[in-house]
Amino acid sequence: MAIHAVFHSWYSADAMNYREINGVRSNLGTAVTIQSMVFGNYNDRSGSGVAFTRHPLTGENRLYGQFLINSEVVFICSHF
């Protein structure tokens, strides 16, 4: 259901407005990243995080990420 939701989001009003404003062609499509759950909540020497090659809010072309010690987090990322 999560995969379907990501693919369906390509046609949301927000996504269509984003593409129009930023000149992104609508025939490119979107991608879904599926990743196995890794437990990071064992102790203070473990954790979980996510990284992007572009800043998710500004689109700036630089590495951006978050990491939490002693945590277990699930992320679903949509790329377009």
Protein backbone atom coordinates (compact mmCIF):
# COMPACT_ATOMS: atom_id res chain seq x y z
CA MET A 1 0.00 0.00 0.00
CA ALA A 2 2.90 2.37 0.75
CA ILE A 3 4.43 1.78 -2.69
CA HIS A 4 1.08 2.44 -4.35
CA ALA A 5 0.69 5.65 -2.32
CA VAL A 6 4.08 6.96 -3.49
CA PHE A 7 3.32 6.24 -7.14
CA HIS A 8 -0.16 7.74 -6.80
CA SER A 9 1.32 10.89 -5.20
CA TRP A 10 2.91 11.75 -8.57
CA TYR A 11 -0.55 12.96 -9.64
CA SER A 12 -1.32 15.00 -6.50
CA ALA A 13 -1.99 18.72 -6.87
CA ASP A 14 1.17 19.55 -4.88
CA ALA A 15 3.37 17.36 -7.09
CA MET A 16 1.88 18.76 -10.30
CA ASN A 17 2.33 22.34 -9.05
CA TYR A 18 5.94 21.57 -8.03
CA ARG A 19 6.70 20.17 -11.49
CA GLU A 20 5.13 23.16 -13.22
CA ILE A 21 6.99 25.71 -11.08
CA ASN A 22 10.34 23.91 -11.46
CA GLY A 23 10.02 22.89 -15.09
CA VAL A 24 10.01 19.14 -14.41
CA ARG A 25 8.43 17.09 -17.20
CA SER A 26 5.42 15.07 -16.06
CA ASN A 27 6.40 12.02 -18.14
CA LEU A 28 9.53 11.33 -16.04
CA GLY A 29 7.68 9.43 -13.32
CA THR A 30 8.73 8.84 -9.75
CA ALA A 31 10.74 6.17 -7.92
CA VAL A 32 10.33 4.31 -4.67
CA THR A 33 13.22 3.15 -2.51
CA ILE A 34 12.51 0.02 -0.45
CA GLN A 35 14.93 -0.80 2.32
CA SER A 36 15.09 -3.55 4.89
CA MET A 37 14.53 -2.49 8.48
CA VAL A 38 17.73 -2.25 10.47
CA PHE A 39 17.33 -2.14 14.23
CA GLY A 40 19.18 0.82 15.69
CA ASN A 41 17.75 0.84 19.19
CA TYR A 42 20.15 -1.56 20.87
CA ASN A 43 22.38 0.92 22.69
CA ASP A 44 24.16 4.27 22.36
CA ARG A 45 26.50 2.78 19.73
CA SER A 46 23.65 2.23 17.27
CA GLY A 47 21.05 4.38 15.58
CA SER A 48 19.21 5.13 12.37
CA GLY A 49 19.16 7.88 9.81
CA VAL A 50 18.49 9.04 6.30
CA ALA A 51 20.56 10.92 3.73
CA PHE A 52 19.72 12.83 0.56
CA THR A 53 21.94 14.05 -2.27
CA ARG A 54 19.85 17.25 -2.37
CA HIS A 55 18.31 19.24 0.46
CA PRO A 56 14.66 18.04 0.57
CA LEU A 57 13.20 21.52 1.16
CA THR A 58 15.42 23.79 -0.94
CA GLY A 59 16.64 21.40 -3.65
CA GLU A 60 20.19 22.65 -3.07
CA ASN A 61 22.71 20.19 -4.56
CA ARG A 62 24.49 19.16 -1.33
CA LEU A 63 24.49 16.21 1.03
CA TYR A 64 21.79 16.47 3.71
CA GLY A 65 20.88 13.97 6.38
CA GLN A 66 19.68 13.18 9.86
CA PHE A 67 20.87 10.57 12.34
CA LEU A 68 19.46 9.56 15.72
CA ILE A 69 21.38 7.60 18.36
CA ASN A 70 19.61 4.62 19.95
CA SER A 71 16.62 4.90 17.63
CA GLU A 72 14.57 2.88 15.19
CA VAL A 73 12.98 4.85 12.36
CA VAL A 74 11.34 3.80 9.10
CA PHE A 75 11.59 6.12 6.08
CA ILE A 76 9.81 5.94 2.76
CA CYS A 77 11.45 8.24 0.21
CA SER A 78 9.95 9.43 -3.02
CA HIS A 79 12.26 10.83 -5.69
CA PHE A 80 11.31 12.94 -8.68
